Amino acid sequence: MALANAIAAFLGEHKLRASASYMHEESTRQQLQAGDFDLVIALGGDGTMLRAGHICAPLDIPLLGINQGHFGFLIELEEDEWRAALPRLATGDFRYEKRMLIHVEHWRNGKKHGEWEALNEALVGRGVLARPVHLLASLDGKPLTTFVADGLIIASATGSTAYALAAGGPILPPTMRNMVLVPVAPHLSMDRAIVLDEGSAIRVEVKRGEDAVLSVDGQKSVEVRIDDWVDLRASPYSLRFLRFQETGYFYQRLLSIMDNNPSAGKMYS
């Protein structure tokens, strides 16, 4: 909170009204919903950015991240860079980068049991038991294939550098409006990632796997029973990241992080 207070005071010195608060506080949410703020600056790592993004996207409030975590794939500024960069807010020397979210719906017996907006990905997969699940995937209403695997990741372009990348999926340019399907530990079934066309809709139906689960952006999983299905398509909401860097920053930052894994360094140094 000390850093948040320092940033708010710094912005005030540059004639920008700012206040520091915790994102989970109800008063903060009410102020955002009332349109009291034009920008959210989140301090933390990618997990913080995901939580903030879930709040900002439906309200169309831009999001800027300052890194206090490890990786920072979604982060714009490191902790020692904000004093040099933030005065540019007053002059308009920045740009917005729009990211697609995925709308996720869980259905059972023809009734919707839940819906979410995913910035990174949704996972339909096995639960506690170490048995593969059988997942029938349909694309735009037509059967595609049955995945026999530990799970199936349905990721946005933003999420292509998260769990999907760890499972062997491709890296998509972050502003693409495509989804990618990545099977996790497939067994005698489709073992390649599939990039879907923009505007595609995917349905994943559980045909076998008594303890299957659905997890959205790494949040608490929900039970998915036999013959339940999950529908996924482009969300009506997008998240706007505020960027100071040029468009080529994405690949430079990605390769820098992958070449110098900060978590591995902290763990083994």
C-alpha atoms as a PDB file:
ATOM      1  CA  MET A   1       0.000   0.000   0.000  1.00  0.00           C
ATOM      2  CA  ALA A   2       2.981   2.289   0.592  1.00  0.00           C
ATOM      3  CA  LEU A   3       3.875   2.189  -3.114  1.00  0.00           C
ATOM      4  CA  ALA A   4       0.258   2.882  -4.094  1.00  0.00           C
ATOM      5  CA  ASN A   5       0.200   5.934  -1.831  1.00  0.00           C
ATOM      6  CA  ALA A   6       3.508   7.155  -3.287  1.00  0.00           C
ATOM      7  CA  ILE A   7       2.211   6.805  -6.848  1.00  0.00           C
ATOM      8  CA  ALA A   8      -1.053   8.602  -6.009  1.00  0.00           C
ATOM      9  CA  ALA A   9       0.893  11.492  -4.451  1.00  0.00           C
ATOM     10  CA  PHE A  10       3.238  11.624  -7.455  1.00  0.00           C
ATOM     11  CA  LEU A  11       0.323  11.807  -9.874  1.00  0.00           C
ATOM     12  CA  GLY A  12      -1.216  14.577  -7.776  1.00  0.00           C
ATOM     13  CA  GLU A  13       1.980  16.592  -8.182  1.00  0.00           C
ATOM     14  CA  HIS A  14       1.444  16.301 -11.954  1.00  0.00           C
ATOM     15  CA  LYS A  15      -2.141  17.604 -11.720  1.00  0.00           C
ATOM     16  CA  LEU A  16      -3.702  14.152 -12.080  1.00  0.00           C
ATOM     17  CA  ARG A  17      -6.334  13.184  -9.501  1.00  0.00           C
ATOM     18  CA  ALA A  18      -5.578   9.795  -8.015  1.00  0.00           C
ATOM     19  CA  SER A  19      -6.334   7.725  -4.931  1.00  0.00           C
ATOM     20  CA  ALA A  20      -4.888   4.505  -3.520  1.00  0.00           C
ATOM     21  CA  SER A  21      -7.054   1.588  -2.432  1.00  0.00           C
ATOM     22  CA  TYR A  22      -7.350  -2.174  -2.485  1.00  0.00           C
ATOM     23  CA  MET A  23      -9.080  -3.566  -5.562  1.00  0.00           C
ATOM     24  CA  HIS A  24     -11.214  -5.981  -3.537  1.00  0.00           C
ATOM     25  CA  GLU A  25     -12.810  -3.231  -1.453  1.00  0.00           C
ATOM     26  CA  GLU A  26     -16.478  -2.673  -2.255  1.00  0.00           C
ATOM     27  CA  SER A  27     -16.040   1.115  -2.145  1.00  0.00           C
ATOM     28  CA  THR A  28     -13.414   0.846  -4.915  1.00  0.00           C
ATOM     29  CA  ARG A  29     -15.738  -1.210  -7.086  1.00  0.00           C
ATOM     30  CA  GLN A  30     -18.553   1.272  -6.555  1.00  0.00           C
ATOM     31  CA  GLN A  31     -16.333   4.180  -7.577  1.00  0.00           C
ATOM     32  CA  LEU A  32     -15.250   2.344 -10.723  1.00  0.00           C
ATOM     33  CA  GLN A  33     -18.829   1.460 -11.600  1.00  0.00           C
ATOM     34  CA  ALA A  34     -19.853   5.090 -11.076  1.00  0.00           C
ATOM     35  CA  GLY A  35     -17.280   6.185 -13.652  1.00  0.00           C
ATOM     36  CA  ASP A  36     -15.193   8.164 -11.154  1.00  0.00           C
ATOM     37  CA  PHE A  37     -11.892   6.995 -12.660  1.00  0.00           C
ATOM     38  CA  ASP A  38     -10.450   6.922 -16.170  1.00  0.00           C
ATOM     39  CA  LEU A  39      -7.645   4.446 -15.441  1.00  0.00           C
ATOM     40  CA  VAL A  40      -6.744   1.669 -13.012  1.00  0.00           C
ATOM     41  CA  ILE A  41      -3.071   1.186 -12.106  1.00  0.00           C
ATOM     42  CA  ALA A  42      -2.552  -2.302 -10.665  1.00  0.00           C
ATOM     43  CA  LEU A  43       0.488  -3.139  -8.536  1.00  0.00           C
ATOM     44  CA  GLY A  44       1.520  -6.785  -8.446  1.00  0.00           C
ATOM     45  CA  GLY A  45       2.061  -9.638 -10.863  1.00  0.00           C
ATOM     46  CA  ASP A  46       0.013 -11.321 -13.561  1.00  0.00           C
ATOM     47  CA  GLY A  47      -2.464 -12.696 -11.006  1.00  0.00           C
ATOM     48  CA  THR A  48      -3.223  -9.159  -9.882  1.00  0.00           C
ATOM     49  CA  MET A  49      -3.629  -8.084 -13.498  1.00  0.00           C
ATOM     50  CA  LEU A  50      -6.100 -10.910 -14.148  1.00  0.00           C
ATOM     51  CA  ARG A  51      -8.229  -9.928 -11.148  1.00  0.00           C
ATOM     52  CA  ALA A  52      -8.133  -6.260 -12.096  1.00  0.00           C
ATOM     53  CA  GLY A  53      -8.895  -7.093 -15.718  1.00  0.00           C
ATOM     54  CA  HIS A  54     -12.051  -8.975 -14.753  1.00  0.00           C
ATOM     55  CA  ILE A  55     -13.299  -5.763 -13.117  1.00  0.00           C
ATOM     56  CA  CYS A  56     -12.065  -3.264 -15.712  1.00  0.00           C
ATOM     57  CA  ALA A  57     -13.142  -4.995 -18.935  1.00  0.00           C
ATOM     58  CA  PRO A  58     -16.942  -4.854 -18.446  1.00  0.00           C
ATOM     59  CA  LEU A  59     -16.610  -1.186 -17.430  1.00  0.00           C
ATOM     60  CA  ASP A  60     -14.265  -0.353 -20.347  1.00  0.00           C
ATOM     61  CA  ILE A  61     -11.725   1.155 -17.949  1.00  0.00           C
ATOM     62  CA  PRO A  62      -8.105   0.942 -19.172  1.00  0.00           C
ATOM     63  CA  LEU A  63      -5.577  -0.954 -17.063  1.00  0.00           C
ATOM     64  CA  LEU A  64      -1.890  -0.244 -16.452  1.00  0.00           C
ATOM     65  CA  GLY A  65       0.331  -2.691 -14.574  1.00  0.00           C
ATOM     66  CA  ILE A  66       3.403  -2.017 -12.437  1.00  0.00           C
ATOM     67  CA  ASN A  67       5.334  -5.183 -11.667  1.00  0.00           C
ATOM     68  CA  GLN A  68       5.719  -6.423  -8.107  1.00  0.00           C
ATOM     69  CA  GLY A  69       5.562 -10.087  -9.044  1.00  0.00           C
ATOM     70  CA  HIS A  70       7.741 -12.575 -10.913  1.00  0.00           C
ATOM     71  CA  PHE A  71       6.894 -12.911 -14.607  1.00  0.00           C
ATOM     72  CA  GLY A  72       4.805  -9.918 -15.571  1.00  0.00           C
ATOM     73  CA  PHE A  73       3.669 -11.017 -19.055  1.00  0.00           C
ATOM     74  CA  LEU A  74       0.752  -8.584 -18.724  1.00  0.00           C
ATOM     75  CA  ILE A  75       2.730  -5.844 -16.980  1.00  0.00           C
ATOM     76  CA  GLU A  76       3.810  -2.599 -18.659  1.00  0.00           C
ATOM     77  CA  LEU A  77       6.269  -1.089 -16.148  1.00  0.00           C
ATOM     78  CA  GLU A  78       8.867  -2.456 -13.780  1.00  0.00           C
ATOM     79  CA  GLU A  79       8.917  -1.100 -10.245  1.00  0.00           C
ATOM     80  CA  ASP A  80      11.814   1.267 -10.981  1.00  0.00           C
ATOM     81  CA  GLU A  81      10.249   2.724 -14.161  1.00  0.00           C
ATOM     82  CA  TRP A  82       7.025   4.387 -13.035  1.00  0.00           C
ATOM     83  CA  ARG A  83       8.485   7.784 -12.071  1.00  0.00           C
ATOM     84  CA  ALA A  84       9.850   8.280 -15.582  1.00  0.00           C
ATOM     85  CA  ALA A  85       6.744   6.976 -17.383  1.00  0.00           C
ATOM     86  CA  LEU A  86       3.695   8.227 -15.478  1.00  0.00           C
ATOM     87  CA  PRO A  87       4.095  11.951 -16.316  1.00  0.00           C
ATOM     88  CA  ARG A  88       3.294  10.919 -19.904  1.00  0.00           C
ATOM     89  CA  LEU A  89      -0.292  10.332 -18.776  1.00  0.00           C
ATOM     90  CA  ALA A  90      -0.767  14.087 -18.518  1.00  0.00           C
ATOM     91  CA  THR A  91       0.422  14.699 -22.082  1.00  0.00           C
ATOM     92  CA  GLY A  92      -1.408  11.800 -23.739  1.00  0.00           C
ATOM     93  CA  ASP A  93       1.863  10.164 -24.767  1.00  0.00           C
ATOM     94  CA  PHE A  94       0.572   6.594 -24.603  1.00  0.00           C
ATOM     95  CA  ARG A  95      -1.596   4.162 -26.540  1.00  0.00           C
ATOM     96  CA  TYR A  96      -4.252   1.556 -25.820  1.00  0.00           C
ATOM     97  CA  GLU A  97      -3.902  -2.123 -26.666  1.00  0.00           C
ATOM     98  CA  LYS A  98      -7.194  -3.992 -26.884  1.00  0.00           C
ATOM     99  CA  ARG A  99      -7.327  -7.632 -25.798  1.00  0.00           C
ATOM    100  CA  MET A 100     -10.147 -10.076 -26.477  1.00  0.00           C
ATOM    101  CA  LEU A 101     -11.779 -11.967 -23.616  1.00  0.00           C
ATOM    102  CA  ILE A 102     -13.528 -15.335 -23.910  1.00  0.00           C
ATOM    103  CA  HIS A 103     -17.132 -15.705 -22.777  1.00  0.00           C
ATOM    104  CA  VAL A 104     -17.511 -19.055 -20.990  1.00  0.00           C
ATOM    105  CA  GLU A 105     -20.826 -20.748 -20.147  1.00  0.00           C
ATOM    106  CA  HIS A 106     -21.368 -24.001 -18.215  1.00  0.00           C
ATOM    107  CA  TRP A 107     -24.555 -25.901 -19.127  1.00  0.00           C
ATOM    108  CA  ARG A 108     -26.274 -28.929 -17.576  1.00  0.00           C
ATOM    109  CA  ASN A 109     -29.517 -30.482 -18.810  1.00  0.00           C
ATOM    110  CA  GLY A 110     -30.239 -27.450 -20.947  1.00  0.00           C
ATOM    111  CA  LYS A 111     -29.835 -25.000 -18.052  1.00  0.00           C
ATOM    112  CA  LYS A 112     -26.991 -22.535 -17.640  1.00  0.00           C
ATOM    113  CA  HIS A 113     -25.101 -23.183 -14.400  1.00  0.00           C
ATOM    114  CA  GLY A 114     -22.589 -20.343 -14.619  1.00  0.00           C
ATOM    115  CA  GLU A 115     -20.876 -17.862 -16.897  1.00  0.00           C
ATOM    116  CA  TRP A 116     -17.529 -16.093 -16.801  1.00  0.00           C
ATOM    117  CA  GLU A 117     -15.266 -13.826 -18.826  1.00  0.00           C
ATOM    118  CA  ALA A 118     -11.761 -15.254 -19.289  1.00  0.00           C
ATOM    119  CA  LEU A 119      -8.777 -13.084 -20.101  1.00  0.00           C
ATOM    120  CA  ASN A 120      -6.339 -16.002 -20.351  1.00  0.00           C
ATOM    121  CA  GLU A 121      -8.084 -19.338 -20.708  1.00  0.00           C
ATOM    122  CA  ALA A 122     -10.640 -21.885 -19.631  1.00  0.00           C
ATOM    123  CA  LEU A 123      -9.632 -25.445 -18.798  1.00  0.00           C
ATOM    124  CA  VAL A 124     -11.921 -28.463 -18.929  1.00  0.00           C
ATOM    125  CA  GLY A 125     -10.071 -31.404 -17.464  1.00  0.00           C
ATOM    126  CA  ARG A 126      -9.707 -34.150 -14.924  1.00  0.00           C
ATOM    127  CA  GLY A 127     -10.055 -33.506 -11.240  1.00  0.00           C
ATOM    128  CA  VAL A 128      -8.432 -35.499  -8.452  1.00  0.00           C
ATOM    129  CA  LEU A 129      -8.353 -38.882 -10.158  1.00  0.00           C
ATOM    130  CA  ALA A 130      -5.408 -39.437 -12.498  1.00  0.00           C
ATOM    131  CA  ARG A 131      -7.562 -40.631 -15.387  1.00  0.00           C
ATOM    132  CA  PRO A 132      -7.952 -38.951 -18.773  1.00  0.00           C
ATOM    133  CA  VAL A 133     -11.268 -37.358 -19.628  1.00  0.00           C
ATOM    134  CA  HIS A 134     -13.076 -37.770 -22.942  1.00  0.00           C
ATOM    135  CA  LEU A 135     -14.104 -34.386 -24.312  1.00  0.00           C
ATOM    136  CA  LEU A 136     -16.228 -34.040 -27.444  1.00  0.00           C
ATOM    137  CA  ALA A 137     -15.391 -30.736 -29.107  1.00  0.00           C
ATOM    138  CA  SER A 138     -17.752 -29.096 -31.597  1.00  0.00           C
ATOM    139  CA  LEU A 139     -16.852 -26.098 -33.734  1.00  0.00           C
ATOM    140  CA  ASP A 140     -19.609 -23.726 -34.853  1.00  0.00           C
ATOM    141  CA  GLY A 141     -22.213 -26.422 -34.172  1.00  0.00           C
ATOM    142  CA  LYS A 142     -20.423 -29.248 -36.014  1.00  0.00           C
ATOM    143  CA  PRO A 143     -18.447 -32.110 -34.384  1.00  0.00           C
ATOM    144  CA  LEU A 144     -14.705 -31.502 -34.496  1.00  0.00           C
ATOM    145  CA  THR A 145     -12.960 -34.286 -32.560  1.00  0.00           C
ATOM    146  CA  THR A 146     -12.899 -36.105 -29.237  1.00  0.00           C
ATOM    147  CA  PHE A 147      -9.933 -35.303 -27.019  1.00  0.00           C
ATOM    148  CA  VAL A 148      -8.780 -38.060 -24.655  1.00  0.00           C
ATOM    149  CA  ALA A 149      -6.444 -36.192 -22.346  1.00  0.00           C
ATOM    150  CA  ASP A 150      -5.862 -34.762 -18.912  1.00  0.00           C
ATOM    151  CA  GLY A 151      -7.704 -31.711 -20.157  1.00  0.00           C
ATOM    152  CA  LEU A 152      -8.329 -29.193 -22.900  1.00  0.00           C
ATOM    153  CA  ILE A 153      -7.211 -25.572 -22.698  1.00  0.00           C
ATOM    154  CA  ILE A 154      -9.215 -23.001 -24.633  1.00  0.00           C
ATOM    155  CA  ALA A 155      -7.070 -19.872 -24.623  1.00  0.00           C
ATOM    156  CA  SER A 156      -7.252 -16.339 -25.953  1.00  0.00           C
ATOM    157  CA  ALA A 157      -4.287 -14.718 -27.666  1.00  0.00           C
ATOM    158  CA  THR A 158      -3.419 -13.198 -24.284  1.00  0.00           C
ATOM    159  CA  GLY A 159      -3.572 -16.644 -22.681  1.00  0.00           C
ATOM    160  CA  SER A 160      -1.419 -18.202 -25.385  1.00  0.00           C
ATOM    161  CA  THR A 161       1.642 -17.240 -23.295  1.00  0.00           C
ATOM    162  CA  ALA A 162       0.193 -18.666 -20.071  1.00  0.00           C
ATOM    163  CA  TYR A 163      -0.959 -22.255 -19.384  1.00  0.00           C
ATOM    164  CA  ALA A 164      -1.402 -22.894 -23.120  1.00  0.00           C
ATOM    165  CA  LEU A 165       2.271 -22.140 -23.769  1.00  0.00           C
ATOM    166  CA  ALA A 166       3.338 -24.453 -20.933  1.00  0.00           C
ATOM    167  CA  ALA A 167       1.278 -27.231 -22.542  1.00  0.00           C
ATOM    168  CA  GLY A 168       3.037 -26.766 -25.888  1.00  0.00           C
ATOM    169  CA  GLY A 169       0.692 -24.350 -27.624  1.00  0.00           C
ATOM    170  CA  PRO A 170       1.674 -21.598 -30.087  1.00  0.00           C
ATOM    171  CA  ILE A 171       2.329 -17.960 -29.222  1.00  0.00           C
ATOM    172  CA  LEU A 172      -0.283 -15.695 -30.789  1.00  0.00           C
ATOM    173  CA  PRO A 173       0.105 -11.931 -31.284  1.00  0.00           C
ATOM    174  CA  PRO A 174      -1.709 -10.447 -28.276  1.00  0.00           C
ATOM    175  CA  THR A 175      -4.286  -8.377 -30.171  1.00  0.00           C
ATOM    176  CA  MET A 176      -5.580 -11.276 -32.289  1.00  0.00           C
ATOM    177  CA  ARG A 177      -9.225 -12.223 -31.749  1.00  0.00           C
ATOM    178  CA  ASN A 178      -8.666 -15.960 -32.105  1.00  0.00           C
ATOM    179  CA  MET A 179      -8.952 -18.831 -29.680  1.00  0.00           C
ATOM    180  CA  VAL A 180      -6.510 -21.728 -29.515  1.00  0.00           C
ATOM    181  CA  LEU A 181      -7.283 -25.288 -28.391  1.00  0.00           C
ATOM    182  CA  VAL A 182      -4.425 -27.053 -26.603  1.00  0.00           C
ATOM    183  CA  PRO A 183      -4.830 -30.622 -25.281  1.00  0.00           C
ATOM    184  CA  VAL A 184      -3.013 -31.443 -22.034  1.00  0.00           C
ATOM    185  CA  ALA A 185      -1.229 -34.816 -22.036  1.00  0.00           C
ATOM    186  CA  PRO A 186      -3.352 -36.320 -24.846  1.00  0.00           C
ATOM    187  CA  HIS A 187      -3.619 -40.097 -25.019  1.00  0.00           C
ATOM    188  CA  LEU A 188      -4.037 -41.633 -28.499  1.00  0.00           C
ATOM    189  CA  SER A 189      -6.032 -38.614 -29.661  1.00  0.00           C
ATOM    190  CA  MET A 190      -5.414 -35.244 -31.292  1.00  0.00           C
ATOM    191  CA  ASP A 191      -2.095 -34.041 -29.880  1.00  0.00           C
ATOM    192  CA  ARG A 192      -1.638 -30.725 -31.703  1.00  0.00           C
ATOM    193  CA  ALA A 193      -2.858 -27.258 -30.864  1.00  0.00           C
ATOM    194  CA  ILE A 194      -5.566 -25.827 -33.116  1.00  0.00           C
ATOM    195  CA  VAL A 195      -5.919 -22.098 -33.790  1.00  0.00           C
ATOM    196  CA  LEU A 196      -9.554 -21.260 -34.496  1.00  0.00           C
ATOM    197  CA  ASP A 197     -10.733 -18.660 -36.954  1.00  0.00           C
ATOM    198  CA  GLU A 198     -11.830 -15.301 -35.576  1.00  0.00           C
ATOM    199  CA  GLY A 199     -15.478 -15.426 -34.528  1.00  0.00           C
ATOM    200  CA  SER A 200     -15.553 -19.187 -33.982  1.00  0.00           C
ATOM    201  CA  ALA A 201     -17.614 -20.772 -31.230  1.00  0.00           C
ATOM    202  CA  ILE A 202     -16.518 -23.952 -29.486  1.00  0.00           C
ATOM    203  CA  ARG A 203     -18.490 -26.414 -27.365  1.00  0.00           C
ATOM    204  CA  VAL A 204     -16.745 -28.945 -25.112  1.00  0.00           C
ATOM    205  CA  GLU A 205     -18.916 -31.789 -23.821  1.00  0.00           C
ATOM    206  CA  VAL A 206     -17.747 -34.225 -21.153  1.00  0.00           C
ATOM    207  CA  LYS A 207     -18.414 -37.791 -22.345  1.00  0.00           C
ATOM    208  CA  ARG A 208     -16.277 -39.640 -19.792  1.00  0.00           C
ATOM    209  CA  GLY A 209     -14.600 -38.476 -16.594  1.00  0.00           C
ATOM    210  CA  GLU A 210     -16.621 -38.633 -13.395  1.00  0.00           C
ATOM    211  CA  ASP A 211     -14.570 -35.986 -11.587  1.00  0.00           C
ATOM    212  CA  ALA A 212     -14.078 -33.477 -14.424  1.00  0.00           C
ATOM    213  CA  VAL A 213     -13.783 -29.778 -13.612  1.00  0.00           C
ATOM    214  CA  LEU A 214     -13.911 -26.374 -15.272  1.00  0.00           C
ATOM    215  CA  SER A 215     -11.465 -23.656 -14.256  1.00  0.00           C
ATOM    216  CA  VAL A 216     -11.482 -20.121 -15.689  1.00  0.00           C
ATOM    217  CA  ASP A 217      -8.290 -18.042 -15.448  1.00  0.00           C
ATOM    218  CA  GLY A 218      -7.000 -20.303 -12.700  1.00  0.00           C
ATOM    219  CA  GLN A 219      -9.880 -19.483 -10.387  1.00  0.00           C
ATOM    220  CA  LYS A 220     -11.592 -22.052  -8.147  1.00  0.00           C
ATOM    221  CA  SER A 221     -12.783 -24.928 -10.295  1.00  0.00           C
ATOM    222  CA  VAL A 222     -16.395 -26.083 -10.619  1.00  0.00           C
ATOM    223  CA  GLU A 223     -17.640 -29.628 -11.118  1.00  0.00           C
ATOM    224  CA  VAL A 224     -18.505 -30.677 -14.674  1.00  0.00           C
ATOM    225  CA  ARG A 225     -20.567 -33.869 -14.892  1.00  0.00           C
ATOM    226  CA  ILE A 226     -21.003 -36.396 -17.677  1.00  0.00           C
ATOM    227  CA  ASP A 227     -22.963 -34.809 -20.561  1.00  0.00           C
ATOM    228  CA  ASP A 228     -22.425 -31.301 -19.202  1.00  0.00           C
ATOM    229  CA  TRP A 229     -21.035 -28.933 -21.793  1.00  0.00           C
ATOM    230  CA  VAL A 230     -19.064 -25.702 -21.873  1.00  0.00           C
ATOM    231  CA  ASP A 231     -19.699 -23.094 -24.574  1.00  0.00           C
ATOM    232  CA  LEU A 232     -16.944 -20.617 -25.451  1.00  0.00           C
ATOM    233  CA  ARG A 233     -16.887 -17.667 -27.838  1.00  0.00           C
ATOM    234  CA  ALA A 234     -15.480 -14.156 -28.082  1.00  0.00           C
ATOM    235  CA  SER A 235     -16.737 -12.016 -25.219  1.00  0.00           C
ATOM    236  CA  PRO A 236     -18.652  -8.801 -25.916  1.00  0.00           C
ATOM    237  CA  TYR A 237     -16.095  -7.159 -23.615  1.00  0.00           C
ATOM    238  CA  SER A 238     -12.489  -6.306 -24.352  1.00  0.00           C
ATOM    239  CA  LEU A 239      -9.758  -5.194 -21.975  1.00  0.00           C
ATOM    240  CA  ARG A 240      -7.749  -2.112 -22.825  1.00  0.00           C
ATOM    241  CA  PHE A 241      -4.158  -2.126 -21.582  1.00  0.00           C
ATOM    242  CA  LEU A 242      -2.465   1.254 -21.420  1.00  0.00           C
ATOM    243  CA  ARG A 243       0.933   1.060 -23.105  1.00  0.00           C
ATOM    244  CA  PHE A 244       3.905   3.409 -23.212  1.00  0.00           C
ATOM    245  CA  GLN A 245       6.065   1.022 -25.224  1.00  0.00           C
ATOM    246  CA  GLU A 246       6.028   0.524 -28.986  1.00  0.00           C
ATOM    247  CA  THR A 247       4.106  -2.375 -30.535  1.00  0.00           C
ATOM    248  CA  GLY A 248       7.214  -4.552 -30.897  1.00  0.00           C
ATOM    249  CA  TYR A 249       7.610  -4.672 -27.114  1.00  0.00           C
ATOM    250  CA  PHE A 250       5.590  -7.911 -26.824  1.00  0.00           C
ATOM    251  CA  TYR A 251       8.118 -10.272 -28.394  1.00  0.00           C
ATOM    252  CA  GLN A 252      11.081  -8.522 -26.794  1.00  0.00           C
ATOM    253  CA  ARG A 253       9.555  -8.840 -23.337  1.00  0.00           C
ATOM    254  CA  LEU A 254       8.399 -12.407 -23.902  1.00  0.00           C
ATOM    255  CA  LEU A 255      11.807 -13.641 -25.036  1.00  0.00           C
ATOM    256  CA  SER A 256      13.530 -11.732 -22.252  1.00  0.00           C
ATOM    257  CA  ILE A 257      11.333 -13.397 -19.642  1.00  0.00           C
ATOM    258  CA  MET A 258      11.765 -16.844 -21.164  1.00  0.00           C
ATOM    259  CA  ASP A 259      15.546 -16.450 -21.384  1.00  0.00           C
ATOM    260  CA  ASN A 260      15.780 -15.203 -17.798  1.00  0.00           C
ATOM    261  CA  ASN A 261      13.080 -17.077 -15.899  1.00  0.00           C
ATOM    262  CA  PRO A 262      12.756 -15.032 -12.682  1.00  0.00           C
ATOM    263  CA  SER A 263      11.025 -17.825 -10.772  1.00  0.00           C
ATOM    264  CA  ALA A 264      13.780 -20.303 -11.585  1.00  0.00           C
ATOM    265  CA  GLY A 265      16.388 -17.781 -10.520  1.00  0.00           C
ATOM    266  CA  LYS A 266      14.758 -17.150  -7.169  1.00  0.00           C
ATOM    267  CA  MET A 267      14.266 -20.867  -6.595  1.00  0.00           C
ATOM    268  CA  TYR A 268      17.720 -22.167  -7.453  1.00  0.00           C
ATOM    269  CA  SER A 269      20.118 -19.279  -6.909  1.00  0.00           C
END
